[in-house]
Amino acid sequence: MFIFLIPRYARNNTLTEVSTCFNDLPRLRTVNLDHNSISILKNTTFKGSNLVDHLHISENHILGIEPFTFVNVQLNVLRIQSDNEMQVLCENAFVLDTNYTVEV
Protein backbone atom coordinates (compact mmCIF):
# COMPACT_ATOMS: atom_id res chain seq x y z
CA MET A 1 0.00 0.00 0.00
CA PHE A 2 1.34 3.44 -0.96
CA ILE A 3 0.70 6.61 0.99
CA PHE A 4 0.80 9.64 -1.28
CA LEU A 5 1.58 13.01 0.23
CA ILE A 6 -0.53 15.53 -1.63
CA PRO A 7 0.54 19.16 -2.22
CA ARG A 8 -2.08 21.84 -2.88
CA TYR A 9 -1.19 24.90 -4.93
CA ALA A 10 -3.68 27.77 -5.08
CA ARG A 11 -1.28 30.57 -5.98
CA ASN A 12 -2.31 33.65 -7.92
CA ASN A 13 -6.04 33.42 -7.39
CA THR A 14 -8.46 35.80 -5.76
CA LEU A 15 -9.09 33.71 -2.67
CA THR A 16 -10.29 35.79 0.25
CA GLU A 17 -11.05 33.00 2.71
CA VAL A 18 -9.88 29.45 3.30
CA SER A 19 -11.66 28.71 6.57
CA THR A 20 -12.52 25.05 5.84
CA CYS A 21 -10.88 24.38 2.48
CA PHE A 22 -8.23 22.08 3.89
CA ASN A 23 -10.28 20.15 6.46
CA ASP A 24 -9.90 16.41 6.76
CA LEU A 25 -7.13 15.97 4.19
CA PRO A 26 -4.91 13.64 6.20
CA ARG A 27 -2.28 13.26 3.46
CA LEU A 28 -1.90 16.96 2.71
CA ARG A 29 1.69 18.14 3.23
CA THR A 30 2.34 21.38 1.32
CA VAL A 31 -0.09 24.27 0.89
CA ASN A 32 0.84 27.26 -1.26
CA LEU A 33 -1.58 30.18 -1.03
CA ASP A 34 0.83 32.90 -2.17
CA HIS A 35 -0.55 35.88 -4.12
CA ASN A 36 -4.18 35.83 -2.99
CA SER A 37 -6.35 38.16 -0.91
CA ILE A 38 -6.63 36.15 2.30
CA SER A 39 -6.95 38.33 5.39
CA ILE A 40 -7.17 35.85 8.28
CA LEU A 41 -6.25 32.27 8.99
CA LYS A 42 -8.99 30.69 11.08
CA ASN A 43 -8.57 27.91 13.57
CA THR A 44 -10.76 25.68 11.40
CA THR A 45 -8.53 25.90 8.32
CA PHE A 46 -6.42 22.77 8.89
CA LYS A 47 -8.70 20.70 11.13
CA GLY A 48 -7.98 17.04 10.41
CA SER A 49 -5.03 17.83 8.14
CA ASN A 50 -2.30 17.10 10.65
CA LEU A 51 0.54 16.38 8.20
CA VAL A 52 0.74 19.88 6.73
CA ASP A 53 4.39 20.80 7.13
CA HIS A 54 4.87 23.67 4.63
CA LEU A 55 2.50 26.63 4.38
CA HIS A 56 3.18 29.55 2.06
CA ILE A 57 0.94 32.61 2.47
CA SER A 58 3.14 35.44 1.20
CA GLU A 59 1.69 38.29 -0.84
CA ASN A 60 -1.75 38.18 0.79
CA HIS A 61 -3.39 40.64 3.13
CA ILE A 62 -2.98 38.60 6.31
CA LEU A 63 -4.15 40.66 9.27
CA GLY A 64 -4.16 37.88 11.83
CA ILE A 65 -3.93 34.22 12.75
CA GLU A 66 -6.57 32.93 15.16
CA PRO A 67 -5.66 31.00 18.32
CA PHE A 68 -5.14 27.26 17.85
CA THR A 69 -4.88 27.49 14.06
CA PHE A 70 -1.93 25.11 14.02
CA VAL A 71 -2.85 22.77 16.89
CA ASN A 72 -1.81 19.20 16.03
CA VAL A 73 -0.38 20.33 12.70
CA GLN A 74 3.18 19.23 11.96
CA LEU A 75 4.12 22.61 10.53
CA ASN A 76 7.84 23.02 9.85
CA VAL A 77 7.85 26.04 7.52
CA LEU A 78 5.46 28.98 7.56
CA ARG A 79 6.28 31.62 4.94
CA ILE A 80 4.51 34.96 5.54
CA GLN A 81 6.60 37.42 3.52
CA SER A 82 5.71 40.76 1.90
CA ASP A 83 2.40 42.49 1.56
CA ASN A 84 0.94 40.96 4.67
CA GLU A 85 -0.35 43.42 7.22
CA MET A 86 -0.12 41.26 10.32
CA GLN A 87 -1.94 43.02 13.15
CA VAL A 88 -2.98 40.10 15.33
CA LEU A 89 -0.91 37.03 16.09
CA CYS A 90 -2.74 35.30 18.89
CA GLU A 91 -0.67 33.81 21.65
CA ASN A 92 -1.87 30.25 21.08
CA ALA A 93 -1.77 30.22 17.27
CA PHE A 94 1.34 28.02 17.27
CA VAL A 95 0.71 25.22 19.71
CA LEU A 96 3.03 22.68 18.12
CA ASP A 97 4.90 19.52 18.97
CA THR A 98 7.64 20.10 16.39
CA ASN A 99 10.26 22.72 15.59
CA TYR A 100 9.28 25.15 12.87
CA THR A 101 10.60 28.11 10.94
CA VAL A 102 8.64 31.31 10.43
CA GLU A 103 9.92 33.41 7.53
CA VAL A 104 8.77 37.03 7.76
PDB file of N, CA and C in Angstrom:
ATOM      1  N   MET A   1       0.848  -1.180   0.000  1.00  0.00           N
ATOM      2  CA  MET A   1       0.000   0.000   0.000  1.00  0.00           C
ATOM      3  C   MET A   1       0.895   1.245   0.000  1.00  0.00           C
ATOM      4  N   PHE A   2       0.595   2.201  -0.869  1.00  0.00           N
ATOM      5  CA  PHE A   2       1.340   3.445  -0.960  1.00  0.00           C
ATOM      6  C   PHE A   2       0.570   4.566  -0.275  1.00  0.00           C
ATOM      7  N   ILE A   3       1.307   5.420   0.404  1.00  0.00           N
ATOM      8  CA  ILE A   3       0.696   6.607   0.988  1.00  0.00           C
ATOM      9  C   ILE A   3       1.237   7.805   0.231  1.00  0.00           C
ATOM     10  N   PHE A   4       0.381   8.477  -0.500  1.00  0.00           N
ATOM     11  CA  PHE A   4       0.796   9.639  -1.276  1.00  0.00           C
ATOM     12  C   PHE A   4       0.631  10.900  -0.437  1.00  0.00           C
ATOM     13  N   LEU A   5       1.620  11.761  -0.499  1.00  0.00           N
ATOM     14  CA  LEU A   5       1.583  13.014   0.232  1.00  0.00           C
ATOM     15  C   LEU A   5       1.221  14.099  -0.761  1.00  0.00           C
ATOM     16  N   ILE A   6       0.064  14.669  -0.613  1.00  0.00           N
ATOM     17  CA  ILE A   6      -0.527  15.532  -1.629  1.00  0.00           C
ATOM     18  C   ILE A   6      -0.239  17.003  -1.370  1.00  0.00           C
ATOM     19  N   PRO A   7       0.402  17.695  -2.335  1.00  0.00           N
ATOM     20  CA  PRO A   7       0.537  19.157  -2.220  1.00  0.00           C
ATOM     21  C   PRO A   7      -0.688  19.845  -2.815  1.00  0.00           C
ATOM     22  N   ARG A   8      -1.000  21.029  -2.331  1.00  0.00           N
ATOM     23  CA  ARG A   8      -2.083  21.842  -2.884  1.00  0.00           C
ATOM     24  C   ARG A   8      -1.525  23.213  -3.208  1.00  0.00           C
ATOM     25  N   TYR A   9      -1.685  23.602  -4.459  1.00  0.00           N
ATOM     26  CA  TYR A   9      -1.194  24.899  -4.926  1.00  0.00           C
ATOM     27  C   TYR A   9      -2.393  25.731  -5.367  1.00  0.00           C
ATOM     28  N   ALA A  10      -2.585  26.860  -4.732  1.00  0.00           N
ATOM     29  CA  ALA A  10      -3.684  27.766  -5.081  1.00  0.00           C
ATOM     30  C   ALA A  10      -3.123  29.176  -5.211  1.00  0.00           C
ATOM     31  N   ARG A  11      -1.953  29.276  -5.797  1.00  0.00           N
ATOM     32  CA  ARG A  11      -1.283  30.569  -5.982  1.00  0.00           C
ATOM     33  C   ARG A  11      -2.009  31.406  -7.020  1.00  0.00           C
ATOM     34  N   ASN A  12      -1.840  32.704  -6.899  1.00  0.00           N
ATOM     35  CA  ASN A  12      -2.310  33.648  -7.923  1.00  0.00           C
ATOM     36  C   ASN A  12      -3.789  33.515  -8.239  1.00  0.00           C
ATOM     37  N   ASN A  13      -4.591  33.440  -7.229  1.00  0.00           N
ATOM     38  CA  ASN A  13      -6.042  33.424  -7.391  1.00  0.00           C
ATOM     39  C   ASN A  13      -6.590  34.640  -6.659  1.00  0.00           C
ATOM     40  N   THR A  14      -7.863  34.696  -6.499  1.00  0.00           N
ATOM     41  CA  THR A  14      -8.461  35.805  -5.761  1.00  0.00           C
ATOM     42  C   THR A  14      -9.122  35.295  -4.481  1.00  0.00           C
ATOM     43  N   LEU A  15      -8.526  34.276  -3.894  1.00  0.00           N
ATOM     44  CA  LEU A  15      -9.089  33.709  -2.670  1.00  0.00           C
ATOM     45  C   LEU A  15      -9.077  34.742  -1.556  1.00  0.00           C
ATOM     46  N   THR A  16     -10.203  34.869  -0.875  1.00  0.00           N
ATOM     47  CA  THR A  16     -10.286  35.786   0.254  1.00  0.00           C
ATOM     48  C   THR A  16     -10.425  35.040   1.574  1.00  0.00           C
ATOM     49  N   GLU A  17     -10.836  33.783   1.506  1.00  0.00           N
ATOM     50  CA  GLU A  17     -11.053  32.999   2.710  1.00  0.00           C
ATOM     51  C   GLU A  17     -10.759  31.534   2.440  1.00  0.00           C
ATOM     52  N   VAL A  18     -10.150  30.880   3.411  1.00  0.00           N
ATOM     53  CA  VAL A  18      -9.877  29.448   3.301  1.00  0.00           C
ATOM     54  C   VAL A  18     -10.231  28.748   4.617  1.00  0.00           C
ATOM     55  N   SER A  19     -11.334  29.146   5.210  1.00  0.00           N
ATOM     56  CA  SER A  19     -11.662  28.707   6.571  1.00  0.00           C
ATOM     57  C   SER A  19     -11.850  27.204   6.729  1.00  0.00           C
ATOM     58  N   THR A  20     -12.350  26.499   5.733  1.00  0.00           N
ATOM     59  CA  THR A  20     -12.523  25.047   5.844  1.00  0.00           C
ATOM     60  C   THR A  20     -12.026  24.306   4.609  1.00  0.00           C
ATOM     61  N   CYS A  21     -11.326  24.976   3.739  1.00  0.00           N
ATOM     62  CA  CYS A  21     -10.879  24.379   2.476  1.00  0.00           C
ATOM     63  C   CYS A  21      -9.977  23.170   2.653  1.00  0.00           C
ATOM     64  N   PHE A  22      -9.222  23.130   3.726  1.00  0.00           N
ATOM     65  CA  PHE A  22      -8.229  22.076   3.893  1.00  0.00           C
ATOM     66  C   PHE A  22      -8.560  21.137   5.047  1.00  0.00           C
ATOM     67  N   ASN A  23      -9.841  21.046   5.395  1.00  0.00           N
ATOM     68  CA  ASN A  23     -10.283  20.152   6.462  1.00  0.00           C
ATOM     69  C   ASN A  23     -10.230  18.700   6.016  1.00  0.00           C
ATOM     70  N   ASP A  24      -9.846  17.866   6.943  1.00  0.00           N
ATOM     71  CA  ASP A  24      -9.897  16.410   6.756  1.00  0.00           C
ATOM     72  C   ASP A  24      -9.193  15.923   5.497  1.00  0.00           C
ATOM     73  N   LEU A  25      -8.002  16.442   5.275  1.00  0.00           N
ATOM     74  CA  LEU A  25      -7.134  15.967   4.192  1.00  0.00           C
ATOM     75  C   LEU A  25      -5.882  15.397   4.857  1.00  0.00           C
ATOM     76  N   PRO A  26      -5.974  14.175   5.368  1.00  0.00           N
ATOM     77  CA  PRO A  26      -4.912  13.640   6.203  1.00  0.00           C
ATOM     78  C   PRO A  26      -3.569  13.443   5.502  1.00  0.00           C
ATOM     79  N   ARG A  27      -3.547  13.443   4.175  1.00  0.00           N
ATOM     80  CA  ARG A  27      -2.276  13.258   3.460  1.00  0.00           C
ATOM     81  C   ARG A  27      -1.708  14.567   2.923  1.00  0.00           C
ATOM     82  N   LEU A  28      -2.350  15.658   3.197  1.00  0.00           N
ATOM     83  CA  LEU A  28      -1.904  16.963   2.714  1.00  0.00           C
ATOM     84  C   LEU A  28      -0.627  17.381   3.414  1.00  0.00           C
ATOM     85  N   ARG A  29       0.405  17.762   2.643  1.00  0.00           N
ATOM     86  CA  ARG A  29       1.692  18.137   3.234  1.00  0.00           C
ATOM     87  C   ARG A  29       2.067  19.586   2.960  1.00  0.00           C
ATOM     88  N   THR A  30       1.902  20.041   1.721  1.00  0.00           N
ATOM     89  CA  THR A  30       2.337  21.381   1.325  1.00  0.00           C
ATOM     90  C   THR A  30       1.138  22.170   0.828  1.00  0.00           C
ATOM     91  N   VAL A  31       0.990  23.392   1.339  1.00  0.00           N
ATOM     92  CA  VAL A  31      -0.090  24.275   0.893  1.00  0.00           C
ATOM     93  C   VAL A  31       0.546  25.599   0.479  1.00  0.00           C
ATOM     94  N   ASN A  32       0.300  25.998  -0.760  1.00  0.00           N
ATOM     95  CA  ASN A  32       0.836  27.261  -1.258  1.00  0.00           C
ATOM     96  C   ASN A  32      -0.323  28.172  -1.625  1.00  0.00           C
ATOM     97  N   LEU A  33      -0.503  29.207  -0.827  1.00  0.00           N
ATOM     98  CA  LEU A  33      -1.583  30.176  -1.029  1.00  0.00           C
ATOM     99  C   LEU A  33      -1.029  31.559  -1.342  1.00  0.00           C
ATOM    100  N   ASP A  34       0.211  31.624  -1.833  1.00  0.00           N
ATOM    101  CA  ASP A  34       0.828  32.902  -2.175  1.00  0.00           C
ATOM    102  C   ASP A  34      -0.011  33.669  -3.190  1.00  0.00           C
ATOM    103  N   HIS A  35       0.077  34.983  -3.134  1.00  0.00           N
ATOM    104  CA  HIS A  35      -0.552  35.884  -4.120  1.00  0.00           C
ATOM    105  C   HIS A  35      -2.063  35.719  -4.192  1.00  0.00           C
ATOM    106  N   ASN A  36      -2.727  35.830  -3.058  1.00  0.00           N
ATOM    107  CA  ASN A  36      -4.181  35.827  -2.986  1.00  0.00           C
ATOM    108  C   ASN A  36      -4.617  37.053  -2.189  1.00  0.00           C
ATOM    109  N   SER A  37      -5.831  37.037  -1.690  1.00  0.00           N
ATOM    110  CA  SER A  37      -6.353  38.163  -0.909  1.00  0.00           C
ATOM    111  C   SER A  37      -6.878  37.696   0.441  1.00  0.00           C
ATOM    112  N   ILE A  38      -6.220  36.718   1.027  1.00  0.00           N
ATOM    113  CA  ILE A  38      -6.632  36.147   2.305  1.00  0.00           C
ATOM    114  C   ILE A  38      -6.269  37.125   3.424  1.00  0.00           C
ATOM    115  N   SER A  39      -7.209  37.363   4.332  1.00  0.00           N
ATOM    116  CA  SER A  39      -6.951  38.332   5.395  1.00  0.00           C
ATOM    117  C   SER A  39      -6.769  37.693   6.767  1.00  0.00           C
ATOM    118  N   ILE A  40      -7.300  36.495   6.964  1.00  0.00           N
ATOM    119  CA  ILE A  40      -7.171  35.855   8.277  1.00  0.00           C
ATOM    120  C   ILE A  40      -7.093  34.347   8.105  1.00  0.00           C
ATOM    121  N   LEU A  41      -6.278  33.725   8.932  1.00  0.00           N
ATOM    122  CA  LEU A  41      -6.246  32.266   8.994  1.00  0.00           C
ATOM    123  C   LEU A  41      -7.045  31.861  10.220  1.00  0.00           C
ATOM    124  N   LYS A  42      -8.096  31.102   9.989  1.00  0.00           N
ATOM    125  CA  LYS A  42      -8.986  30.693  11.078  1.00  0.00           C
ATOM    126  C   LYS A  42      -8.541  29.376  11.680  1.00  0.00           C
ATOM    127  N   ASN A  43      -8.976  29.135  12.890  1.00  0.00           N
ATOM    128  CA  ASN A  43      -8.569  27.911  13.573  1.00  0.00           C
ATOM    129  C   ASN A  43      -9.264  26.663  13.027  1.00  0.00           C
ATOM    130  N   THR A  44     -10.113  26.822  12.042  1.00  0.00           N
ATOM    131  CA  THR A  44     -10.759  25.679  11.396  1.00  0.00           C
ATOM    132  C   THR A  44     -10.088  25.303  10.079  1.00  0.00           C
ATOM    133  N   THR A  45      -9.113  26.071   9.650  1.00  0.00           N
ATOM    134  CA  THR A  45      -8.527  25.895   8.320  1.00  0.00           C
ATOM    135  C   THR A  45      -7.883  24.529   8.114  1.00  0.00           C
ATOM    136  N   PHE A  46      -7.154  24.010   9.081  1.00  0.00           N
ATOM    137  CA  PHE A  46      -6.418  22.770   8.889  1.00  0.00           C
ATOM    138  C   PHE A  46      -6.896  21.647   9.799  1.00  0.00           C
ATOM    139  N   LYS A  47      -8.132  21.725  10.242  1.00  0.00           N
ATOM    140  CA  LYS A  47      -8.703  20.702  11.127  1.00  0.00           C
ATOM    141  C   LYS A  47      -8.703  19.346  10.412  1.00  0.00           C
ATOM    142  N   GLY A  48      -8.031  18.379  10.996  1.00  0.00           N
ATOM    143  CA  GLY A  48      -7.983  17.043  10.406  1.00  0.00           C
ATOM    144  C   GLY A  48      -6.927  16.881   9.326  1.00  0.00           C
ATOM    145  N   SER A  49      -6.111  17.893   9.124  1.00  0.00           N
ATOM    146  CA  SER A  49      -5.029  17.832   8.136  1.00  0.00           C
ATOM    147  C   SER A  49      -3.698  17.971   8.880  1.00  0.00           C
ATOM    148  N   ASN A  50      -3.408  17.005   9.698  1.00  0.00           N
ATOM    149  CA  ASN A  50      -2.305  17.099  10.645  1.00  0.00           C
ATOM    150  C   ASN A  50      -0.914  16.986  10.043  1.00  0.00           C
ATOM    151  N   LEU A  51      -0.786  16.557   8.800  1.00  0.00           N
ATOM    152  CA  LEU A  51       0.538  16.376   8.200  1.00  0.00           C
ATOM    153  C   LEU A  51       1.042  17.592   7.445  1.00  0.00           C
ATOM    154  N   VAL A  52       0.275  18.674   7.421  1.00  0.00           N
ATOM    155  CA  VAL A  52       0.739  19.881   6.728  1.00  0.00           C
ATOM    156  C   VAL A  52       2.047  20.329   7.369  1.00  0.00           C
ATOM    157  N   ASP A  53       3.109  20.377   6.559  1.00  0.00           N
ATOM    158  CA  ASP A  53       4.386  20.798   7.130  1.00  0.00           C
ATOM    159  C   ASP A  53       4.968  22.034   6.448  1.00  0.00           C
ATOM    160  N   HIS A  54       4.438  22.436   5.309  1.00  0.00           N
ATOM    161  CA  HIS A  54       4.874  23.666   4.632  1.00  0.00           C
ATOM    162  C   HIS A  54       3.645  24.484   4.260  1.00  0.00           C
ATOM    163  N   LEU A  55       3.599  25.726   4.722  1.00  0.00           N
ATOM    164  CA  LEU A  55       2.500  26.627   4.382  1.00  0.00           C
ATOM    165  C   LEU A  55       3.093  27.939   3.882  1.00  0.00           C
ATOM    166  N   HIS A  56       2.712  28.313   2.676  1.00  0.00           N
ATOM    167  CA  HIS A  56       3.184  29.552   2.057  1.00  0.00           C
ATOM    168  C   HIS A  56       1.987  30.488   1.901  1.00  0.00           C
ATOM    169  N   ILE A  57       2.036  31.645   2.571  1.00  0.00           N
ATOM    170  CA  ILE A  57       0.939  32.614   2.471  1.00  0.00           C
ATOM    171  C   ILE A  57       1.466  34.025   2.229  1.00  0.00           C
ATOM    172  N   SER A  58       2.583  34.122   1.523  1.00  0.00           N
ATOM    173  CA  SER A  58       3.145  35.435   1.199  1.00  0.00           C
ATOM    174  C   SER A  58       2.269  36.144   0.177  1.00  0.00           C
ATOM    175  N   GLU A  59       2.420  37.475   0.139  1.00  0.00           N
ATOM    176  CA  GLU A  59       1.691  38.292  -0.837  1.00  0.00           C
ATOM    177  C   GLU A  59       0.178  38.132  -0.715  1.00  0.00           C
ATOM    178  N   ASN A  60      -0.320  38.146   0.497  1.00  0.00           N
ATOM    179  CA  ASN A  60      -1.750  38.176   0.791  1.00  0.00           C
ATOM    180  C   ASN A  60      -2.006  39.455   1.564  1.00  0.00           C
ATOM    181  N   HIS A  61      -3.088  39.499   2.280  1.00  0.00           N
ATOM    182  CA  HIS A  61      -3.392  40.639   3.134  1.00  0.00           C
ATOM    183  C   HIS A  61      -3.664  40.124   4.541  1.00  0.00           C
ATOM    184  N   ILE A  62      -2.788  39.242   5.017  1.00  0.00           N
ATOM    185  CA  ILE A  62      -2.981  38.605   6.314  1.00  0.00           C
ATOM    186  C   ILE A  62      -2.939  39.648   7.428  1.00  0.00           C
ATOM    187  N   LEU A  63      -4.050  39.755   8.126  1.00  0.00           N
ATOM    188  CA  LEU A  63      -4.151  40.664   9.269  1.00  0.00           C
ATOM    189  C   LEU A  63      -3.947  39.923  10.580  1.00  0.00           C
ATOM    190  N   GLY A  64      -4.285  38.621  10.590  1.00  0.00           N
ATOM    191  CA  GLY A  64      -4.161  37.881  11.830  1.00  0.00           C
ATOM    192  C   GLY A  64      -4.279  36.385  11.649  1.00  0.00           C
ATOM    193  N   ILE A  65      -3.824  35.675  12.673  1.00  0.00           N
ATOM    194  CA  ILE A  65      -3.933  34.222  12.747  1.00  0.00           C
ATOM    195  C   ILE A  65      -4.638  33.913  14.059  1.00  0.00           C
ATOM    196  N   GLU A  66      -5.766  33.228  13.972  1.00  0.00           N
ATOM    197  CA  GLU A  66      -6.566  32.927  15.162  1.00  0.00           C
ATOM    198  C   GLU A  66      -5.839  31.956  16.092  1.00  0.00           C
ATOM    199  N   PRO A  67      -6.233  31.967  17.382  1.00  0.00           N
ATOM    200  CA  PRO A  67      -5.655  31.000  18.321  1.00  0.00           C
ATOM    201  C   PRO A  67      -5.942  29.568  17.864  1.00  0.00           C
ATOM    202  N   PHE A  68      -5.006  28.691  18.113  1.00  0.00           N
ATOM    203  CA  PHE A  68      -5.144  27.258  17.852  1.00  0.00           C
ATOM    204  C   PHE A  68      -5.271  26.898  16.372  1.00  0.00           C
ATOM    205  N   THR A  69      -4.827  27.783  15.489  1.00  0.00           N
ATOM    206  CA  THR A  69      -4.880  27.494  14.057  1.00  0.00           C
ATOM    207  C   THR A  69      -3.999  26.303  13.707  1.00  0.00           C
ATOM    208  N   PHE A  70      -2.866  26.166  14.369  1.00  0.00           N
ATOM    209  CA  PHE A  70      -1.927  25.108  14.020  1.00  0.00           C
ATOM    210  C   PHE A  70      -1.799  24.037  15.099  1.00  0.00           C
ATOM    211  N   VAL A  71      -2.862  23.819  15.875  1.00  0.00           N
ATOM    212  CA  VAL A  71      -2.854  22.770  16.886  1.00  0.00           C
ATOM    213  C   VAL A  71      -2.842  21.419  16.181  1.00  0.00           C
ATOM    214  N   ASN A  72      -1.947  20.546  16.598  1.00  0.00           N
ATOM    215  CA  ASN A  72      -1.812  19.198  16.034  1.00  0.00           C
ATOM    216  C   ASN A  72      -1.442  19.196  14.555  1.00  0.00           C
ATOM    217  N   VAL A  73      -0.875  20.269  14.070  1.00  0.00           N
ATOM    218  CA  VAL A  73      -0.384  20.332  12.697  1.00  0.00           C
ATOM    219  C   VAL A  73       1.131  20.266  12.763  1.00  0.00           C
ATOM    220  N   GLN A  74       1.736  19.428  11.928  1.00  0.00           N
ATOM    221  CA  GLN A  74       3.181  19.228  11.964  1.00  0.00           C
ATOM    222  C   GLN A  74       3.917  20.277  11.138  1.00  0.00           C
ATOM    223  N   LEU A  75       3.571  21.514  11.316  1.00  0.00           N
ATOM    224  CA  LEU A  75       4.120  22.611  10.525  1.00  0.00           C
ATOM    225  C   LEU A  75       5.605  22.801  10.804  1.00  0.00           C
ATOM    226  N   ASN A  76       6.404  22.777   9.742  1.00  0.00           N
ATOM    227  CA  ASN A  76       7.837  23.020   9.850  1.00  0.00           C
ATOM    228  C   ASN A  76       8.222  24.360   9.249  1.00  0.00           C
ATOM    229  N   VAL A  77       7.545  24.775   8.182  1.00  0.00           N
ATOM    230  CA  VAL A  77       7.849  26.042   7.520  1.00  0.00           C
ATOM    231  C   VAL A  77       6.560  26.823   7.317  1.00  0.00           C
ATOM    232  N   LEU A  78       6.561  28.057   7.787  1.00  0.00           N
ATOM    233  CA  LEU A  78       5.457  28.984   7.557  1.00  0.00           C
ATOM    234  C   LEU A  78       6.064  30.215   6.912  1.00  0.00           C
ATOM    235  N   ARG A  79       5.720  30.469   5.668  1.00  0.00           N
ATOM    236  CA  ARG A  79       6.277  31.616   4.945  1.00  0.00           C
ATOM    237  C   ARG A  79       5.211  32.695   4.825  1.00  0.00           C
ATOM    238  N   ILE A  80       5.428  33.821   5.542  1.00  0.00           N
ATOM    239  CA  ILE A  80       4.513  34.963   5.538  1.00  0.00           C
ATOM    240  C   ILE A  80       5.328  36.194   5.154  1.00  0.00           C
ATOM    241  N   GLN A  81       5.747  36.292   3.926  1.00  0.00           N
ATOM    242  CA  GLN A  81       6.598  37.415   3.519  1.00  0.00           C
ATOM    243  C   GLN A  81       5.807  38.417   2.701  1.00  0.00           C
ATOM    244  N   SER A  82       6.205  39.658   2.735  1.00  0.00           N
ATOM    245  CA  SER A  82       5.713  40.756   1.903  1.00  0.00           C
ATOM    246  C   SER A  82       4.201  40.887   1.789  1.00  0.00           C
ATOM    247  N   ASP A  83       3.789  42.103   1.782  1.00  0.00           N
ATOM    248  CA  ASP A  83       2.397  42.492   1.560  1.00  0.00           C
ATOM    249  C   ASP A  83       1.397  41.910   2.544  1.00  0.00           C
ATOM    250  N   ASN A  84       1.856  41.360   3.629  1.00  0.00           N
ATOM    251  CA  ASN A  84       0.941  40.958   4.673  1.00  0.00           C
ATOM    252  C   ASN A  84       0.959  42.061   5.715  1.00  0.00           C
ATOM    253  N   GLU A  85      -0.180  42.304   6.301  1.00  0.00           N
ATOM    254  CA  GLU A  85      -0.347  43.423   7.223  1.00  0.00           C
ATOM    255  C   GLU A  85      -0.674  42.896   8.609  1.00  0.00           C
ATOM    256  N   MET A  86       0.143  41.950   9.069  1.00  0.00           N
ATOM    257  CA  MET A  86      -0.123  41.256  10.319  1.00  0.00           C
ATOM    258  C   MET A  86      -0.366  42.240  11.460  1.00  0.00           C
ATOM    259  N   GLN A  87      -1.579  42.185  12.018  1.00  0.00           N
ATOM    260  CA  GLN A  87      -1.937  43.019  13.147  1.00  0.00           C
ATOM    261  C   GLN A  87      -2.164  42.183  14.395  1.00  0.00           C
ATOM    262  N   VAL A  88      -2.648  40.953  14.192  1.00  0.00           N
ATOM    263  CA  VAL A  88      -2.977  40.100  15.326  1.00  0.00           C
ATOM    264  C   VAL A  88      -2.332  38.729  15.135  1.00  0.00           C
ATOM    265  N   LEU A  89      -1.474  38.381  16.044  1.00  0.00           N
ATOM    266  CA  LEU A  89      -0.913  37.032  16.091  1.00  0.00           C
ATOM    267  C   LEU A  89      -1.216  36.516  17.485  1.00  0.00           C
ATOM    268  N   CYS A  90      -2.268  35.755  17.582  1.00  0.00           N
ATOM    269  CA  CYS A  90      -2.739  35.300  18.886  1.00  0.00           C
ATOM    270  C   CYS A  90      -1.714  34.396  19.557  1.00  0.00           C
ATOM    271  N   GLU A  91      -1.654  34.511  20.854  1.00  0.00           N
ATOM    272  CA  GLU A  91      -0.667  33.808  21.653  1.00  0.00           C
ATOM    273  C   GLU A  91      -0.648  32.309  21.396  1.00  0.00           C
ATOM    274  N   ASN A  92      -1.792  31.697  21.225  1.00  0.00           N
ATOM    275  CA  ASN A  92      -1.870  30.251  21.078  1.00  0.00           C
ATOM    276  C   ASN A  92      -2.001  29.790  19.629  1.00  0.00           C
ATOM    277  N   ALA A  93      -1.655  30.613  18.680  1.00  0.00           N
ATOM    278  CA  ALA A  93      -1.765  30.223  17.269  1.00  0.00           C
ATOM    279  C   ALA A  93      -0.835  29.075  16.935  1.00  0.00           C
ATOM    280  N   PHE A  94       0.331  29.029  17.571  1.00  0.00           N
ATOM    281  CA  PHE A  94       1.340  28.023  17.266  1.00  0.00           C
ATOM    282  C   PHE A  94       1.548  27.073  18.433  1.00  0.00           C
ATOM    283  N   VAL A  95       0.560  26.247  18.701  1.00  0.00           N
ATOM    284  CA  VAL A  95       0.706  25.219  19.711  1.00  0.00           C
ATOM    285  C   VAL A  95       1.139  23.973  18.962  1.00  0.00           C
ATOM    286  N   LEU A  96       2.453  23.722  18.958  1.00  0.00           N
ATOM    287  CA  LEU A  96       3.026  22.677  18.117  1.00  0.00           C
ATOM    288  C   LEU A  96       3.875  21.712  18.924  1.00  0.00           C
ATOM    289  N   ASP A  97       4.031  20.514  18.376  1.00  0.00           N
ATOM    290  CA  ASP A  97       4.902  19.525  18.972  1.00  0.00           C
ATOM    291  C   ASP A  97       6.252  19.469  18.279  1.00  0.00           C
ATOM    292  N   THR A  98       6.411  20.185  17.162  1.00  0.00           N
ATOM    293  CA  THR A  98       7.643  20.103  16.390  1.00  0.00           C
ATOM    294  C   THR A  98       8.326  21.455  16.326  1.00  0.00           C
ATOM    295  N   ASN A  99       9.546  21.466  15.850  1.00  0.00           N
ATOM    296  CA  ASN A  99      10.255  22.715  15.592  1.00  0.00           C
ATOM    297  C   ASN A  99       9.762  23.261  14.269  1.00  0.00           C
ATOM    298  N   TYR A 100       9.745  24.551  14.113  1.00  0.00           N
ATOM    299  CA  TYR A 100       9.285  25.149  12.874  1.00  0.00           C
ATOM    300  C   TYR A 100      10.054  26.421  12.611  1.00  0.00           C
ATOM    301  N   THR A 101       9.946  26.881  11.359  1.00  0.00           N
ATOM    302  CA  THR A 101      10.600  28.107  10.939  1.00  0.00           C
ATOM    303  C   THR A 101       9.542  29.065  10.444  1.00  0.00           C
ATOM    304  N   VAL A 102       9.558  30.279  10.929  1.00  0.00           N
ATOM    305  CA  VAL A 102       8.645  31.305  10.427  1.00  0.00           C
ATOM    306  C   VAL A 102       9.491  32.306   9.649  1.00  0.00           C
ATOM    307  N   GLU A 103       9.188  32.471   8.364  1.00  0.00           N
ATOM    308  CA  GLU A 103       9.918  33.411   7.528  1.00  0.00           C
ATOM    309  C   GLU A 103       9.066  34.652   7.334  1.00  0.00           C
ATOM    310  N   VAL A 104       9.531  35.778   7.846  1.00  0.00           N
ATOM    311  CA  VAL A 104       8.771  37.030   7.764  1.00  0.00           C
ATOM    312  C   VAL A 104       9.537  38.022   6.923  1.00  0.00           C
TER     313      VAL A 104
END
